N, C-alpha and C. Protein backbone atom coordinates (compact mmCIF):
# COMPACT_ATOMS: atom_id res chain seq x y z
N PRO A 1 0.85 -1.18 -0.01
CA PRO A 1 -0.01 0.02 0.01
C PRO A 1 0.87 1.25 -0.01
N GLN A 2 0.33 2.34 -0.57
CA GLN A 2 1.06 3.57 -0.68
C GLN A 2 0.82 4.38 0.58
N GLY A 3 1.88 4.84 1.22
CA GLY A 3 1.75 5.73 2.37
C GLY A 3 2.16 7.10 2.09
N MET A 4 2.30 7.93 3.09
CA MET A 4 2.66 9.33 2.91
C MET A 4 4.16 9.55 3.08
N GLY A 5 4.89 8.49 3.38
CA GLY A 5 6.41 8.64 3.45
C GLY A 5 6.89 9.10 4.82
N PHE A 6 5.99 9.08 5.83
CA PHE A 6 6.41 9.49 7.16
C PHE A 6 7.39 8.55 7.81
N GLY A 7 7.21 7.24 7.53
CA GLY A 7 8.02 6.22 8.24
C GLY A 7 9.51 6.43 8.05
N LEU A 8 9.94 6.52 6.78
CA LEU A 8 11.35 6.70 6.50
C LEU A 8 11.87 8.04 6.94
N ALA A 9 11.03 9.07 6.88
CA ALA A 9 11.45 10.41 7.32
C ALA A 9 11.69 10.37 8.86
N LEU A 10 10.79 9.69 9.58
CA LEU A 10 10.98 9.59 11.03
C LEU A 10 12.26 8.85 11.38
N CYS A 11 12.51 7.75 10.65
CA CYS A 11 13.76 7.01 10.91
C CYS A 11 14.96 7.83 10.67
N LYS A 12 14.92 8.60 9.60
CA LYS A 12 16.08 9.50 9.30
C LYS A 12 16.28 10.51 10.39
N LYS A 13 15.15 11.07 10.92
CA LYS A 13 15.28 12.04 11.96
C LYS A 13 15.87 11.40 13.23
N LEU A 14 15.34 10.23 13.59
CA LEU A 14 15.74 9.57 14.82
C LEU A 14 17.26 9.18 14.73
N VAL A 15 17.69 8.66 13.63
CA VAL A 15 19.07 8.25 13.44
C VAL A 15 19.96 9.51 13.45
N SER A 16 19.49 10.58 12.87
CA SER A 16 20.30 11.79 12.84
C SER A 16 20.49 12.35 14.27
N PHE A 17 19.42 12.29 15.12
CA PHE A 17 19.54 12.72 16.49
C PHE A 17 20.59 11.94 17.21
N LEU A 18 20.80 10.67 16.85
CA LEU A 18 21.78 9.81 17.49
C LEU A 18 23.13 9.88 16.82
N GLY A 19 23.25 10.83 15.91
CA GLY A 19 24.59 11.05 15.28
C GLY A 19 24.96 10.00 14.23
N GLY A 20 23.97 9.36 13.65
CA GLY A 20 24.24 8.32 12.64
C GLY A 20 23.75 8.63 11.27
N ASP A 21 23.80 7.62 10.44
CA ASP A 21 23.36 7.74 9.03
C ASP A 21 22.46 6.50 8.72
N ILE A 22 21.57 6.69 7.75
CA ILE A 22 20.67 5.61 7.30
C ILE A 22 20.78 5.52 5.81
N SER A 23 20.72 4.33 5.24
CA SER A 23 20.83 4.08 3.83
C SER A 23 19.84 3.00 3.41
N VAL A 24 19.57 2.92 2.14
CA VAL A 24 18.59 1.95 1.61
C VAL A 24 19.10 1.39 0.27
N GLU A 25 18.84 0.11 0.08
CA GLU A 25 19.13 -0.55 -1.20
C GLU A 25 17.82 -1.24 -1.67
N SER A 26 17.38 -0.98 -2.90
CA SER A 26 16.13 -1.53 -3.37
C SER A 26 16.33 -2.27 -4.65
N GLU A 27 15.56 -3.31 -4.82
CA GLU A 27 15.56 -4.07 -6.08
C GLU A 27 14.12 -4.28 -6.50
N VAL A 28 13.82 -3.99 -7.77
CA VAL A 28 12.45 -4.09 -8.28
C VAL A 28 11.92 -5.49 -8.07
N ASN A 29 10.72 -5.62 -7.57
CA ASN A 29 9.98 -6.87 -7.34
C ASN A 29 10.63 -7.74 -6.29
N GLN A 30 11.64 -7.24 -5.59
CA GLN A 30 12.32 -8.01 -4.58
C GLN A 30 12.14 -7.43 -3.21
N GLY A 31 12.24 -6.10 -3.11
CA GLY A 31 12.08 -5.42 -1.85
C GLY A 31 13.17 -4.45 -1.54
N SER A 32 13.19 -3.91 -0.33
CA SER A 32 14.19 -2.90 0.08
C SER A 32 14.87 -3.35 1.38
N GLU A 33 16.13 -3.00 1.47
CA GLU A 33 16.88 -3.30 2.70
C GLU A 33 17.44 -1.97 3.28
N PHE A 34 17.11 -1.68 4.54
CA PHE A 34 17.53 -0.48 5.17
C PHE A 34 18.62 -0.78 6.22
N GLN A 35 19.63 0.03 6.27
CA GLN A 35 20.75 -0.11 7.17
C GLN A 35 20.99 1.23 7.83
N PHE A 36 21.34 1.24 9.12
CA PHE A 36 21.74 2.46 9.75
C PHE A 36 22.95 2.23 10.70
N THR A 37 23.66 3.27 10.94
CA THR A 37 24.78 3.25 11.88
C THR A 37 24.60 4.47 12.82
N ILE A 38 24.98 4.23 14.08
CA ILE A 38 24.93 5.32 15.08
C ILE A 38 26.19 5.29 15.87
N LYS A 39 26.60 6.46 16.34
CA LYS A 39 27.79 6.53 17.17
C LYS A 39 27.47 6.07 18.61
N ASN A 40 28.41 5.30 19.19
CA ASN A 40 28.13 4.74 20.53
C ASN A 40 29.40 4.79 21.36
N ASN A 41 29.33 5.60 22.41
CA ASN A 41 30.45 5.73 23.31
C ASN A 41 30.13 5.06 24.69
N VAL A 42 29.16 4.16 24.68
CA VAL A 42 28.66 3.54 25.93
C VAL A 42 29.39 2.23 26.15
N GLU A 43 29.73 1.95 27.40
CA GLU A 43 30.35 0.63 27.68
C GLU A 43 29.27 -0.43 27.46
N SER A 44 29.69 -1.61 27.02
CA SER A 44 28.76 -2.67 26.60
C SER A 44 27.80 -3.05 27.69
N GLY A 45 28.19 -2.98 28.95
CA GLY A 45 27.25 -3.37 30.03
C GLY A 45 26.14 -2.43 30.21
N ASN A 46 26.30 -1.13 29.83
CA ASN A 46 25.29 -0.18 30.05
C ASN A 46 24.57 0.22 28.77
N LEU A 47 24.79 -0.54 27.70
CA LEU A 47 24.22 -0.19 26.41
C LEU A 47 22.70 -0.09 26.43
N ALA A 48 22.06 -1.15 27.01
CA ALA A 48 20.58 -1.18 27.01
C ALA A 48 20.00 -0.03 27.81
N THR A 49 20.67 0.28 28.95
CA THR A 49 20.13 1.43 29.79
C THR A 49 20.29 2.69 29.02
N GLU A 50 21.47 2.90 28.43
CA GLU A 50 21.72 4.18 27.75
C GLU A 50 20.83 4.36 26.52
N MET A 51 20.56 3.27 25.79
CA MET A 51 19.77 3.36 24.59
C MET A 51 18.29 3.63 24.90
N SER A 52 17.87 3.40 26.16
CA SER A 52 16.47 3.64 26.50
C SER A 52 16.21 5.16 26.75
N ILE A 53 17.26 5.96 26.79
CA ILE A 53 17.10 7.41 27.04
C ILE A 53 16.86 8.08 25.74
N VAL A 54 15.63 8.54 25.48
CA VAL A 54 15.27 9.20 24.23
C VAL A 54 15.41 10.71 24.42
N PRO A 55 16.10 11.38 23.47
CA PRO A 55 16.24 12.83 23.56
C PRO A 55 14.88 13.49 23.74
N GLU A 56 14.91 14.59 24.52
CA GLU A 56 13.65 15.30 24.81
C GLU A 56 12.90 15.69 23.55
N GLU A 57 13.67 16.04 22.51
CA GLU A 57 13.05 16.57 21.27
C GLU A 57 12.21 15.53 20.57
N ILE A 58 12.45 14.22 20.87
CA ILE A 58 11.75 13.21 20.13
C ILE A 58 11.02 12.21 21.01
N GLN A 59 10.50 12.71 22.11
CA GLN A 59 9.67 11.86 22.95
C GLN A 59 8.52 11.30 22.17
N LEU A 60 8.23 10.01 22.32
CA LEU A 60 7.23 9.31 21.53
C LEU A 60 5.83 9.95 21.69
N GLY A 61 5.56 10.47 22.83
CA GLY A 61 4.25 11.08 23.01
C GLY A 61 4.14 12.29 22.06
N GLU A 62 5.19 13.02 21.90
CA GLU A 62 5.13 14.20 21.01
C GLU A 62 4.93 13.72 19.58
N LEU A 63 5.62 12.61 19.21
CA LEU A 63 5.49 12.14 17.84
C LEU A 63 4.12 11.70 17.53
N LYS A 64 3.46 11.02 18.50
CA LYS A 64 2.10 10.53 18.26
C LYS A 64 1.17 11.69 18.05
N ARG A 65 1.37 12.77 18.81
CA ARG A 65 0.46 13.90 18.75
C ARG A 65 0.66 14.75 17.50
N ASP A 66 1.95 14.89 17.07
CA ASP A 66 2.14 15.83 16.00
C ASP A 66 3.30 15.40 15.12
N VAL A 67 3.11 14.29 14.36
CA VAL A 67 4.08 13.78 13.45
C VAL A 67 4.45 14.83 12.39
N PRO A 68 3.51 15.51 11.73
CA PRO A 68 3.82 16.46 10.74
C PRO A 68 4.74 17.58 11.23
N ALA A 69 4.49 18.08 12.45
CA ALA A 69 5.26 19.15 12.97
C ALA A 69 6.71 18.68 13.25
N PHE A 70 6.81 17.41 13.75
CA PHE A 70 8.11 16.86 13.98
C PHE A 70 8.95 16.82 12.72
N LEU A 71 8.32 16.58 11.61
CA LEU A 71 9.01 16.51 10.30
C LEU A 71 9.17 17.87 9.67
N GLY A 72 8.69 18.93 10.34
CA GLY A 72 8.85 20.25 9.80
C GLY A 72 7.81 20.61 8.81
N LEU A 73 6.65 19.97 8.82
CA LEU A 73 5.60 20.25 7.83
C LEU A 73 4.51 21.12 8.44
N GLN A 74 4.02 22.05 7.65
CA GLN A 74 2.87 22.83 8.07
C GLN A 74 1.61 21.98 7.89
N VAL A 75 0.55 22.36 8.63
CA VAL A 75 -0.70 21.63 8.55
C VAL A 75 -1.22 21.59 7.14
N GLU A 76 -1.22 22.74 6.42
CA GLU A 76 -1.72 22.76 5.05
C GLU A 76 -0.91 21.91 4.13
N GLU A 77 0.42 21.86 4.34
CA GLU A 77 1.28 21.01 3.50
C GLU A 77 0.89 19.56 3.70
N THR A 78 0.59 19.21 4.94
CA THR A 78 0.22 17.81 5.20
C THR A 78 -1.14 17.43 4.51
N LYS A 79 -2.06 18.36 4.52
CA LYS A 79 -3.27 18.09 3.84
C LYS A 79 -3.06 17.90 2.36
N GLN A 80 -2.16 18.73 1.79
CA GLN A 80 -1.95 18.63 0.38
C GLN A 80 -1.26 17.30 0.07
N MET A 81 -0.33 16.83 0.90
CA MET A 81 0.30 15.55 0.70
C MET A 81 -0.73 14.43 0.76
N LYS A 82 -1.64 14.50 1.71
CA LYS A 82 -2.65 13.43 1.83
C LYS A 82 -3.53 13.36 0.63
N ALA A 83 -3.93 14.54 0.10
CA ALA A 83 -4.73 14.54 -1.10
C ALA A 83 -4.01 13.99 -2.29
N LYS A 84 -2.69 14.31 -2.35
CA LYS A 84 -1.91 13.88 -3.49
C LYS A 84 -1.78 12.41 -3.49
N CYS A 85 -1.57 11.79 -2.29
CA CYS A 85 -1.31 10.39 -2.14
C CYS A 85 -2.61 9.52 -2.33
N SER A 86 -3.74 10.10 -1.94
CA SER A 86 -4.93 9.29 -1.93
C SER A 86 -5.78 9.40 -3.14
N CYS A 87 -5.45 10.28 -4.08
CA CYS A 87 -6.28 10.50 -5.24
C CYS A 87 -5.53 10.27 -6.53
N PRO A 88 -6.11 9.51 -7.46
CA PRO A 88 -5.46 9.38 -8.74
C PRO A 88 -5.23 10.74 -9.46
N SER A 89 -4.09 10.91 -10.07
CA SER A 89 -3.81 12.17 -10.68
C SER A 89 -3.95 12.17 -12.20
N VAL A 90 -3.81 11.02 -12.81
CA VAL A 90 -3.78 10.95 -14.29
C VAL A 90 -4.72 9.82 -14.74
N LEU A 91 -5.41 10.11 -15.88
CA LEU A 91 -6.27 9.11 -16.46
C LEU A 91 -5.70 8.71 -17.85
N VAL A 92 -5.50 7.38 -18.04
CA VAL A 92 -5.01 6.85 -19.28
C VAL A 92 -6.18 6.14 -20.04
N VAL A 93 -6.50 6.58 -21.16
CA VAL A 93 -7.64 6.08 -21.94
C VAL A 93 -7.15 5.42 -23.24
N ASP A 94 -7.28 4.12 -23.34
CA ASP A 94 -6.79 3.38 -24.50
C ASP A 94 -7.48 2.01 -24.53
N ASP A 95 -7.96 1.55 -25.63
CA ASP A 95 -8.63 0.22 -25.69
C ASP A 95 -7.61 -0.90 -25.72
N GLU A 96 -6.35 -0.62 -26.00
CA GLU A 96 -5.31 -1.66 -26.09
C GLU A 96 -4.62 -1.76 -24.77
N PRO A 97 -4.73 -2.96 -24.05
CA PRO A 97 -4.08 -3.09 -22.75
C PRO A 97 -2.61 -2.83 -22.75
N THR A 98 -1.94 -3.31 -23.81
CA THR A 98 -0.44 -3.11 -23.86
C THR A 98 -0.12 -1.62 -23.87
N ASN A 99 -0.84 -0.79 -24.58
CA ASN A 99 -0.56 0.60 -24.61
C ASN A 99 -0.75 1.23 -23.24
N ARG A 100 -1.72 0.78 -22.49
CA ARG A 100 -1.95 1.34 -21.14
C ARG A 100 -0.82 0.94 -20.22
N VAL A 101 -0.34 -0.28 -20.34
CA VAL A 101 0.71 -0.79 -19.50
C VAL A 101 2.03 -0.02 -19.77
N VAL A 102 2.33 0.23 -21.02
CA VAL A 102 3.56 0.93 -21.39
C VAL A 102 3.50 2.37 -20.86
N LEU A 103 2.35 3.03 -21.09
CA LEU A 103 2.24 4.42 -20.66
C LEU A 103 2.29 4.51 -19.15
N LYS A 104 1.70 3.62 -18.45
CA LYS A 104 1.79 3.59 -16.97
C LYS A 104 3.20 3.37 -16.49
N SER A 105 3.97 2.50 -17.22
CA SER A 105 5.36 2.27 -16.76
C SER A 105 6.21 3.54 -16.99
N TYR A 106 5.90 4.28 -18.08
CA TYR A 106 6.64 5.59 -18.28
C TYR A 106 6.29 6.53 -17.18
N LEU A 107 5.04 6.55 -16.77
CA LEU A 107 4.59 7.57 -15.77
C LEU A 107 4.98 7.23 -14.33
N SER A 108 5.37 5.92 -14.13
CA SER A 108 5.63 5.47 -12.77
C SER A 108 6.81 6.25 -12.16
N SER A 109 7.77 6.70 -12.95
CA SER A 109 8.90 7.40 -12.37
C SER A 109 8.48 8.77 -11.85
N LEU A 110 7.31 9.25 -12.14
CA LEU A 110 6.83 10.55 -11.66
C LEU A 110 6.03 10.39 -10.37
N GLN A 111 5.88 9.20 -9.88
CA GLN A 111 5.22 8.92 -8.62
C GLN A 111 3.76 9.45 -8.63
N LEU A 112 3.04 9.14 -9.69
CA LEU A 112 1.64 9.54 -9.87
C LEU A 112 0.76 8.32 -9.67
N SER A 113 -0.40 8.56 -9.17
CA SER A 113 -1.42 7.48 -9.15
C SER A 113 -2.18 7.62 -10.49
N ILE A 114 -2.55 6.45 -11.03
CA ILE A 114 -3.09 6.43 -12.37
C ILE A 114 -4.38 5.62 -12.44
N ASP A 115 -5.39 6.16 -13.13
CA ASP A 115 -6.60 5.49 -13.39
C ASP A 115 -6.59 5.12 -14.91
N GLU A 116 -7.41 4.06 -15.24
CA GLU A 116 -7.47 3.59 -16.63
C GLU A 116 -8.88 3.56 -17.08
N ALA A 117 -9.06 3.77 -18.40
CA ALA A 117 -10.35 3.62 -19.06
C ALA A 117 -10.15 2.96 -20.45
N VAL A 118 -11.08 2.13 -20.88
CA VAL A 118 -10.84 1.41 -22.15
C VAL A 118 -11.52 2.04 -23.33
N ASN A 119 -12.32 3.09 -23.08
CA ASN A 119 -12.93 3.78 -24.23
C ASN A 119 -13.36 5.14 -23.74
N GLY A 120 -13.88 5.96 -24.68
CA GLY A 120 -14.28 7.33 -24.35
C GLY A 120 -15.42 7.42 -23.36
N LYS A 121 -16.39 6.52 -23.51
CA LYS A 121 -17.52 6.48 -22.59
C LYS A 121 -17.13 6.25 -21.15
N GLU A 122 -16.23 5.27 -20.98
CA GLU A 122 -15.73 5.00 -19.60
C GLU A 122 -14.95 6.14 -19.11
N ALA A 123 -14.19 6.81 -19.91
CA ALA A 123 -13.37 7.95 -19.47
C ALA A 123 -14.32 9.06 -18.93
N ILE A 124 -15.43 9.33 -19.68
CA ILE A 124 -16.32 10.37 -19.19
C ILE A 124 -16.90 10.02 -17.84
N GLU A 125 -17.23 8.72 -17.66
CA GLU A 125 -17.83 8.29 -16.41
C GLU A 125 -16.80 8.47 -15.23
N LYS A 126 -15.53 8.21 -15.51
CA LYS A 126 -14.54 8.39 -14.46
C LYS A 126 -14.31 9.84 -14.13
N VAL A 127 -14.36 10.73 -15.12
CA VAL A 127 -14.24 12.12 -14.85
C VAL A 127 -15.40 12.62 -14.05
N GLN A 128 -16.62 12.16 -14.38
CA GLN A 128 -17.82 12.52 -13.60
C GLN A 128 -17.70 12.06 -12.12
N GLU A 129 -17.15 10.87 -11.94
CA GLU A 129 -16.97 10.37 -10.56
C GLU A 129 -15.97 11.31 -9.78
N LYS A 130 -14.96 11.76 -10.45
CA LYS A 130 -14.03 12.64 -9.82
C LYS A 130 -14.65 14.00 -9.48
N GLY A 131 -15.59 14.36 -10.35
CA GLY A 131 -16.21 15.68 -10.14
C GLY A 131 -16.99 15.78 -8.85
N VAL A 132 -17.43 14.64 -8.28
CA VAL A 132 -18.22 14.69 -7.05
C VAL A 132 -17.40 14.09 -5.90
N SER A 133 -16.16 13.76 -6.17
CA SER A 133 -15.30 13.20 -5.15
C SER A 133 -14.95 14.20 -4.05
N GLU A 134 -14.88 13.71 -2.81
CA GLU A 134 -14.51 14.64 -1.74
C GLU A 134 -13.05 14.88 -1.65
N CYS A 135 -12.24 13.96 -2.08
CA CYS A 135 -10.80 14.11 -1.91
C CYS A 135 -10.11 14.79 -3.08
N CYS A 136 -10.74 14.77 -4.21
CA CYS A 136 -10.10 15.37 -5.40
C CYS A 136 -11.12 15.83 -6.37
N LYS A 137 -10.97 16.98 -6.98
CA LYS A 137 -11.96 17.51 -7.86
C LYS A 137 -11.70 17.26 -9.31
N LYS A 138 -10.45 16.84 -9.64
CA LYS A 138 -10.19 16.60 -11.09
C LYS A 138 -8.91 15.83 -11.25
N TYR A 139 -8.75 15.27 -12.45
CA TYR A 139 -7.47 14.67 -12.83
C TYR A 139 -6.55 15.82 -13.23
N LYS A 140 -5.24 15.64 -13.03
CA LYS A 140 -4.28 16.63 -13.49
C LYS A 140 -4.10 16.55 -14.97
N LEU A 141 -4.27 15.36 -15.52
CA LEU A 141 -3.99 15.15 -16.98
C LEU A 141 -4.73 13.93 -17.48
N ILE A 142 -5.19 13.98 -18.72
CA ILE A 142 -5.83 12.84 -19.36
C ILE A 142 -5.10 12.50 -20.66
N PHE A 143 -4.70 11.25 -20.79
CA PHE A 143 -4.12 10.78 -22.10
C PHE A 143 -5.24 10.04 -22.85
N MET A 144 -5.54 10.53 -24.04
CA MET A 144 -6.73 10.01 -24.79
C MET A 144 -6.26 9.44 -26.12
N ASP A 145 -6.51 8.11 -26.31
CA ASP A 145 -6.34 7.53 -27.61
C ASP A 145 -7.51 7.99 -28.52
N ILE A 146 -7.24 8.01 -29.79
CA ILE A 146 -8.22 8.53 -30.77
C ILE A 146 -9.16 7.43 -31.21
N ASN A 147 -8.66 6.33 -31.77
CA ASN A 147 -9.49 5.29 -32.30
C ASN A 147 -9.78 4.24 -31.28
N MET A 148 -11.03 4.22 -30.80
CA MET A 148 -11.48 3.24 -29.78
C MET A 148 -12.91 2.85 -30.03
N PRO A 149 -13.28 1.63 -29.65
CA PRO A 149 -14.70 1.21 -29.80
C PRO A 149 -15.58 1.91 -28.82
N VAL A 150 -16.93 1.73 -28.98
CA VAL A 150 -17.94 2.33 -28.16
C VAL A 150 -18.01 3.88 -28.32
N MET A 151 -16.96 4.57 -27.92
CA MET A 151 -16.81 6.00 -28.14
C MET A 151 -15.37 6.33 -28.34
N ASP A 152 -15.06 7.00 -29.52
CA ASP A 152 -13.66 7.30 -29.76
C ASP A 152 -13.21 8.53 -29.00
N GLY A 153 -11.92 8.82 -29.08
CA GLY A 153 -11.36 9.87 -28.28
C GLY A 153 -11.81 11.26 -28.67
N THR A 154 -12.08 11.46 -29.96
CA THR A 154 -12.51 12.81 -30.43
C THR A 154 -13.88 13.11 -29.89
N GLU A 155 -14.80 12.17 -29.95
CA GLU A 155 -16.17 12.39 -29.42
C GLU A 155 -16.15 12.55 -27.86
N ALA A 156 -15.32 11.72 -27.22
CA ALA A 156 -15.25 11.81 -25.76
C ALA A 156 -14.66 13.16 -25.33
N THR A 157 -13.69 13.62 -26.05
CA THR A 157 -13.10 14.95 -25.69
C THR A 157 -14.10 16.07 -25.89
N ALA A 158 -14.81 16.03 -26.96
CA ALA A 158 -15.83 17.03 -27.22
C ALA A 158 -16.87 17.07 -26.07
N LYS A 159 -17.32 15.92 -25.64
CA LYS A 159 -18.28 15.82 -24.52
C LYS A 159 -17.64 16.35 -23.22
N LEU A 160 -16.35 15.99 -23.04
CA LEU A 160 -15.67 16.46 -21.82
C LEU A 160 -15.56 18.00 -21.81
N MET A 161 -15.29 18.57 -22.97
CA MET A 161 -15.22 20.06 -23.07
C MET A 161 -16.56 20.69 -22.66
N GLU A 162 -17.66 20.03 -23.01
CA GLU A 162 -19.01 20.51 -22.61
C GLU A 162 -19.14 20.46 -21.11
N MET A 163 -18.62 19.39 -20.53
CA MET A 163 -18.73 19.20 -19.07
C MET A 163 -17.85 20.27 -18.39
N PHE A 164 -16.61 20.48 -18.91
CA PHE A 164 -15.71 21.42 -18.28
C PHE A 164 -16.20 22.86 -18.37
N ALA A 165 -17.10 23.11 -19.31
CA ALA A 165 -17.67 24.44 -19.45
C ALA A 165 -18.60 24.76 -18.34
N LYS A 166 -19.11 23.73 -17.65
CA LYS A 166 -20.04 23.95 -16.58
C LYS A 166 -19.26 24.39 -15.30
N SER A 167 -19.95 25.13 -14.45
CA SER A 167 -19.25 25.66 -13.29
C SER A 167 -18.75 24.62 -12.30
N SER A 168 -19.37 23.39 -12.34
CA SER A 168 -18.95 22.45 -11.35
C SER A 168 -17.71 21.66 -11.74
N TYR A 169 -17.15 21.92 -12.95
CA TYR A 169 -16.02 21.25 -13.42
C TYR A 169 -14.86 22.23 -13.76
N ILE A 170 -13.62 21.75 -13.57
CA ILE A 170 -12.47 22.53 -13.97
C ILE A 170 -11.82 21.83 -15.14
N ARG A 171 -11.46 22.54 -16.16
CA ARG A 171 -10.93 21.96 -17.39
C ARG A 171 -9.60 21.25 -17.08
N THR A 172 -9.56 20.01 -17.51
CA THR A 172 -8.37 19.17 -17.40
C THR A 172 -7.67 19.06 -18.78
N PRO A 173 -6.38 19.27 -18.85
CA PRO A 173 -5.68 19.08 -20.18
C PRO A 173 -5.87 17.62 -20.68
N ILE A 174 -6.14 17.56 -21.97
CA ILE A 174 -6.28 16.21 -22.58
C ILE A 174 -5.30 16.15 -23.73
N ILE A 175 -4.45 15.12 -23.68
CA ILE A 175 -3.43 14.95 -24.70
C ILE A 175 -3.92 13.78 -25.62
N ALA A 176 -4.05 14.08 -26.91
CA ALA A 176 -4.39 13.03 -27.89
C ALA A 176 -3.16 12.16 -28.19
N ILE A 177 -3.31 10.89 -28.09
CA ILE A 177 -2.25 9.94 -28.45
C ILE A 177 -2.77 9.10 -29.64
N THR A 178 -2.12 9.24 -30.77
CA THR A 178 -2.69 8.63 -31.96
C THR A 178 -1.61 8.04 -32.88
N ALA A 179 -1.94 6.94 -33.54
CA ALA A 179 -1.12 6.34 -34.52
C ALA A 179 -1.48 6.79 -35.92
N ALA A 180 -2.50 7.61 -36.01
CA ALA A 180 -2.97 8.11 -37.30
C ALA A 180 -1.90 9.04 -37.92
N ASN A 181 -1.84 8.96 -39.24
CA ASN A 181 -0.89 9.75 -39.98
C ASN A 181 -1.50 11.11 -40.26
N LEU A 182 -1.12 12.10 -39.42
CA LEU A 182 -1.67 13.45 -39.59
C LEU A 182 -0.89 14.14 -40.70
N GLN A 183 -1.57 14.36 -41.81
CA GLN A 183 -0.92 14.80 -43.04
C GLN A 183 -0.64 16.31 -43.08
N SER A 184 -1.39 17.08 -42.37
CA SER A 184 -1.26 18.53 -42.53
C SER A 184 -1.57 19.23 -41.25
N TYR A 185 -1.32 20.59 -41.22
CA TYR A 185 -1.66 21.38 -40.08
C TYR A 185 -3.16 21.39 -39.85
N GLN A 186 -3.93 21.17 -40.95
CA GLN A 186 -5.41 21.15 -40.78
C GLN A 186 -5.83 20.00 -39.92
N ASP A 187 -5.12 18.80 -40.02
CA ASP A 187 -5.41 17.69 -39.18
C ASP A 187 -5.17 17.97 -37.73
N TYR A 188 -4.06 18.64 -37.42
CA TYR A 188 -3.74 19.06 -36.07
C TYR A 188 -4.77 20.07 -35.60
N ASP A 189 -5.09 21.06 -36.43
CA ASP A 189 -6.02 22.08 -36.02
C ASP A 189 -7.40 21.51 -35.73
N ARG A 190 -7.78 20.45 -36.48
CA ARG A 190 -9.05 19.82 -36.29
C ARG A 190 -9.11 19.21 -34.85
N LEU A 191 -8.07 18.52 -34.48
CA LEU A 191 -8.06 17.92 -33.19
C LEU A 191 -7.97 18.99 -32.05
N LEU A 192 -7.13 19.99 -32.29
CA LEU A 192 -7.03 21.03 -31.28
C LEU A 192 -8.33 21.76 -31.09
N SER A 193 -9.07 21.95 -32.18
CA SER A 193 -10.37 22.66 -32.08
C SER A 193 -11.37 21.88 -31.26
N VAL A 194 -11.23 20.59 -31.24
CA VAL A 194 -12.15 19.76 -30.41
C VAL A 194 -11.98 20.01 -28.96
N GLY A 195 -10.68 20.29 -28.57
CA GLY A 195 -10.38 20.59 -27.19
C GLY A 195 -9.12 19.93 -26.67
N PHE A 196 -8.42 19.16 -27.49
CA PHE A 196 -7.17 18.59 -27.10
C PHE A 196 -6.15 19.67 -26.85
N SER A 197 -5.34 19.48 -25.78
CA SER A 197 -4.29 20.43 -25.44
C SER A 197 -2.99 20.19 -26.28
N ASP A 198 -2.84 18.93 -26.73
CA ASP A 198 -1.70 18.58 -27.50
C ASP A 198 -1.95 17.30 -28.20
N ILE A 199 -1.18 16.98 -29.30
CA ILE A 199 -1.29 15.72 -30.01
C ILE A 199 0.05 15.10 -30.07
N TRP A 200 0.13 13.82 -29.52
CA TRP A 200 1.38 13.07 -29.51
C TRP A 200 1.23 11.88 -30.43
N PRO A 201 2.22 11.68 -31.38
CA PRO A 201 2.18 10.56 -32.28
C PRO A 201 2.72 9.28 -31.62
N LYS A 202 2.04 8.15 -31.91
CA LYS A 202 2.57 6.84 -31.53
C LYS A 202 3.63 6.38 -32.56
N PRO A 203 4.60 5.61 -32.11
CA PRO A 203 4.85 5.20 -30.71
C PRO A 203 5.55 6.28 -29.90
N ILE A 204 5.22 6.32 -28.64
CA ILE A 204 5.78 7.36 -27.77
C ILE A 204 6.91 6.71 -26.96
N THR A 205 8.05 7.38 -26.88
CA THR A 205 9.17 6.96 -26.12
C THR A 205 9.06 7.58 -24.67
N LYS A 206 9.69 6.92 -23.75
CA LYS A 206 9.66 7.43 -22.37
C LYS A 206 10.26 8.84 -22.30
N GLN A 207 11.37 9.06 -22.99
CA GLN A 207 12.00 10.35 -22.93
C GLN A 207 11.10 11.44 -23.54
N TYR A 208 10.41 11.09 -24.59
CA TYR A 208 9.49 12.04 -25.24
C TYR A 208 8.44 12.48 -24.24
N LEU A 209 7.86 11.49 -23.53
CA LEU A 209 6.83 11.77 -22.54
C LEU A 209 7.36 12.66 -21.41
N LEU A 210 8.48 12.29 -20.83
CA LEU A 210 9.06 13.00 -19.67
C LEU A 210 9.46 14.40 -20.05
N ASP A 211 9.86 14.62 -21.29
CA ASP A 211 10.30 15.97 -21.69
C ASP A 211 9.09 16.92 -21.75
N ARG A 212 7.89 16.35 -21.95
CA ARG A 212 6.72 17.21 -22.17
C ARG A 212 5.68 17.18 -21.08
N VAL A 213 5.62 16.14 -20.37
CA VAL A 213 4.48 15.98 -19.40
C VAL A 213 4.54 16.92 -18.21
N SER A 214 5.76 17.33 -17.82
CA SER A 214 5.89 18.13 -16.63
C SER A 214 5.21 19.47 -16.74
N ASP A 215 5.07 19.99 -17.96
CA ASP A 215 4.37 21.25 -18.15
C ASP A 215 2.89 21.20 -17.76
N TYR A 216 2.33 19.99 -17.72
CA TYR A 216 0.92 19.82 -17.44
C TYR A 216 0.66 19.42 -15.97
N LEU A 217 1.73 19.10 -15.25
CA LEU A 217 1.55 18.57 -13.91
C LEU A 217 1.86 19.55 -12.83
N HIS A 218 2.24 20.76 -13.16
CA HIS A 218 2.61 21.75 -12.17
C HIS A 218 1.58 22.90 -12.15
């Protein structure tokens, strides 16, 4: 499960108070190993007694009452972190499972939560669900394939633009991802006029995505 990152931050603070260092080694699909070292000038016979003395600044009672403050976080910053961690930020819409997997793998390095939809109709339903969600009011970004069954990306984007025009919705950038051979500026203009923020040609490389996506996530 995804947490807010407090655990490792607390460990780092505690080890730092004791004059030590902490490190981590991770391997994909295997796990993580954490190691720490602390300075110790205590005789071996008194080690257990000495280690039970917790510095006043990090009494456990204080940690339980105000973990964010201990980490140097303001209350508002903590709320923002919670919202970011608990709500999907990006919607990937594509009828081909392989394309969704590849795009999600590219986005994983940005530490985003990702929702999926297999056609335009399902994408609209997910955006509507987010519109009434208590924890998040919108996706930060939508990746929309053009050619899909049930409802294609162009029709779905046009309908989303109508939704975003209403006061209860905030417009979310939608990037068209297409394998179609766009022959002219008119083809691009046609898609942009529907409401797409940008048009990316397939196949998309990870570097191509990373070079461009940050403009939409800040």
